[in-house]
């Protein structure tokens, strides 16, 4: 069971600021160990997570399962896109949705990543996630991207 945290109405000046925010928030929620913030930043520097899709771009920052206390997803829809380095080349892309994964089990992480990639390939799904009112974002994400029984809302 993953907890789902959602944040909208926030601006970031850089991906470094996004990653620092994720680390601090997940530490405050108690779902990660103290090693998580630094590990997340280091992982993003070595293995960028920006993904260009048909009409928009997303980032899926994550790090090794050893830094997690419990499974969680932190979904962030910033007010303005944030530049992330693309996963498959050296260019930067403007990311409109950030999906931070905190996974305790590497096998579950691969399964979740496959599911995310599959669902995010659908331009309609991403458009809905970007345009739905803030109070409906968690529900829509759960219903369209995650299996409904695999997630519990915790705001």
Protein backbone atom coordinates (compact mmCIF):
# COMPACT_ATOMS: atom_id res chain seq x y z
CA UNK A 1 0.00 0.00 0.00
CA UNK A 2 1.39 3.38 -1.02
CA UNK A 3 0.45 6.66 0.56
CA UNK A 4 -0.31 9.40 -1.93
CA UNK A 5 0.70 12.98 -1.19
CA UNK A 6 -0.28 15.81 -3.55
CA UNK A 7 0.95 19.38 -3.84
CA UNK A 8 -0.24 22.09 -6.22
CA UNK A 9 0.03 25.88 -6.13
CA UNK A 10 3.80 25.91 -5.68
CA UNK A 11 6.66 27.35 -7.74
CA UNK A 12 10.25 26.21 -8.00
CA UNK A 13 13.22 28.04 -9.48
CA UNK A 14 15.17 24.86 -10.28
CA UNK A 15 15.06 21.07 -10.19
CA UNK A 16 17.47 21.26 -7.23
CA UNK A 17 14.82 23.21 -5.33
CA UNK A 18 12.19 20.59 -6.30
CA UNK A 19 14.37 17.72 -5.09
CA UNK A 20 15.19 19.51 -1.83
CA UNK A 21 11.47 20.13 -1.29
CA UNK A 22 10.62 16.46 -1.95
CA UNK A 23 13.33 15.30 0.46
CA UNK A 24 12.19 17.64 3.24
CA UNK A 25 8.48 16.87 2.78
CA UNK A 26 8.92 13.09 2.71
CA UNK A 27 11.18 13.26 5.75
CA UNK A 28 8.54 15.34 7.56
CA UNK A 29 5.84 12.78 6.60
CA UNK A 30 8.00 10.00 8.07
CA UNK A 31 8.07 7.82 4.96
CA UNK A 32 11.85 8.05 4.37
CA UNK A 33 15.08 7.73 6.31
CA UNK A 34 17.39 10.71 6.93
CA UNK A 35 19.56 9.47 4.05
CA UNK A 36 16.78 9.98 1.50
CA UNK A 37 17.15 13.70 0.61
CA UNK A 38 20.83 13.41 -0.33
CA UNK A 39 20.28 10.08 -2.10
CA UNK A 40 17.44 11.56 -4.17
CA UNK A 41 19.59 14.51 -5.29
CA UNK A 42 22.56 12.25 -6.08
CA UNK A 43 20.40 9.78 -8.04
CA UNK A 44 18.88 12.60 -10.14
CA UNK A 45 22.37 13.99 -10.90
CA UNK A 46 23.59 10.60 -12.13
CA UNK A 47 20.37 9.28 -13.70
CA UNK A 48 18.08 12.15 -14.77
CA UNK A 49 14.35 11.45 -14.76
CA UNK A 50 12.84 14.03 -17.12
CA UNK A 51 10.64 12.35 -19.73
CA UNK A 52 9.31 14.10 -22.82
CA UNK A 53 5.87 12.82 -23.74
CA UNK A 54 3.66 13.69 -26.70
CA UNK A 55 2.47 17.12 -25.48
CA UNK A 56 4.08 17.62 -22.06
CA UNK A 57 6.99 16.42 -19.95
CA UNK A 58 7.08 14.74 -16.57
CA UNK A 59 9.82 13.85 -14.09
CA UNK A 60 9.80 10.75 -11.93
CA UNK A 61 12.52 11.29 -9.31
CA UNK A 62 13.31 8.32 -7.12
CA UNK A 63 16.23 6.58 -5.42
CA UNK A 64 17.15 3.21 -4.00
CA UNK A 65 14.60 1.41 -1.83
CA UNK A 66 16.99 1.30 1.15
CA UNK A 67 16.18 4.98 1.85
CA UNK A 68 12.42 4.34 2.22
CA UNK A 69 10.57 3.53 5.43
CA UNK A 70 7.25 2.99 3.67
CA UNK A 71 5.92 3.19 0.13
CA UNK A 72 4.62 6.56 -1.02
CA UNK A 73 4.09 8.73 -4.06
CA UNK A 74 4.44 12.50 -3.97
CA UNK A 75 2.62 14.08 -6.88
CA UNK A 76 3.54 17.72 -7.55
CA UNK A 77 1.87 19.96 -10.10
CA UNK A 78 3.88 23.20 -10.02
CA UNK A 79 2.36 26.49 -11.15
CA UNK A 80 5.10 26.86 -13.78
CA UNK A 81 7.08 24.10 -15.53
CA UNK A 82 10.49 23.29 -14.02
CA UNK A 83 13.54 22.35 -16.09
CA UNK A 84 14.75 18.78 -15.57
CA UNK A 85 17.46 16.99 -17.48
CA UNK A 86 16.01 14.47 -19.89
CA UNK A 87 16.48 10.80 -18.99
CA UNK A 88 17.66 9.75 -22.45
CA UNK A 89 19.94 12.66 -23.46
CA UNK A 90 21.70 15.77 -22.13
CA UNK A 91 19.01 18.30 -22.97
CA UNK A 92 16.70 19.95 -20.47
CA UNK A 93 12.92 19.85 -20.73
CA UNK A 94 10.22 21.85 -19.00
CA UNK A 95 8.37 19.47 -16.70
CA UNK A 96 4.71 20.12 -15.83
CA UNK A 97 4.16 17.15 -13.49
CA UNK A 98 6.55 15.62 -10.95
CA UNK A 99 5.87 12.14 -9.61
CA UNK A 100 8.31 11.26 -6.83
CA UNK A 101 8.34 7.56 -6.01
CA UNK A 102 9.27 6.23 -2.60
CA UNK A 103 9.37 2.47 -2.90
CA UNK A 104 10.64 -0.08 -0.37
CA UNK A 105 10.66 -3.02 -2.76
CA UNK A 106 12.71 -2.85 -5.99
CA UNK A 107 10.36 -5.31 -7.74
CA UNK A 108 7.37 -3.15 -6.84
CA UNK A 109 9.29 -0.11 -8.09
CA UNK A 110 9.77 -1.64 -11.54
CA UNK A 111 6.12 -2.64 -11.71
CA UNK A 112 5.02 0.87 -10.70
CA UNK A 113 7.38 2.50 -13.21
CA UNK A 114 6.00 0.31 -16.01
CA UNK A 115 2.44 1.21 -15.03
CA UNK A 116 3.29 4.92 -14.86
CA UNK A 117 4.98 4.91 -18.26
CA UNK A 118 2.08 3.03 -19.78
CA UNK A 119 -0.56 5.39 -18.43
CA UNK A 120 1.41 8.59 -19.03
CA UNK A 121 1.86 7.67 -22.71
CA UNK A 122 -1.84 8.42 -23.07
CA UNK A 123 -2.02 12.17 -23.84
CA UNK A 124 -5.59 12.33 -22.48
CA UNK A 125 -4.50 11.03 -19.08
CA UNK A 126 -1.74 13.60 -18.76
CA UNK A 127 -3.99 16.43 -19.98
CA UNK A 128 -6.56 15.48 -17.32
CA UNK A 129 -3.90 15.35 -14.58
CA UNK A 130 -2.67 18.80 -15.58
CA UNK A 131 -6.09 20.43 -15.86
CA UNK A 132 -8.21 18.83 -13.12
CA UNK A 133 -8.96 21.08 -10.11
CA UNK A 134 -6.43 20.61 -7.30
CA UNK A 135 -8.90 18.93 -4.97
CA UNK A 136 -9.59 16.20 -7.57
CA UNK A 137 -5.97 15.54 -8.56
CA UNK A 138 -5.30 12.75 -6.04
CA UNK A 139 -8.51 10.93 -6.92
CA UNK A 140 -7.91 11.22 -10.64
CA UNK A 141 -4.31 10.03 -10.31
CA UNK A 142 -5.44 7.07 -8.25
CA UNK A 143 -8.25 6.15 -10.65
CA UNK A 144 -6.34 6.59 -13.90
CA UNK A 145 -2.71 5.79 -13.11
CA UNK A 146 -2.69 3.48 -10.11
CA UNK A 147 -4.73 0.39 -9.45
CA UNK A 148 -7.46 1.65 -7.13
CA UNK A 149 -6.74 -0.97 -4.49
CA UNK A 150 -3.00 -0.17 -4.32
CA UNK A 151 -3.23 3.30 -2.87
CA UNK A 152 -4.49 5.08 0.21
CA UNK A 153 -4.95 8.84 0.19
CA UNK A 154 -3.04 10.65 2.91
CA UNK A 155 -2.98 14.42 2.74
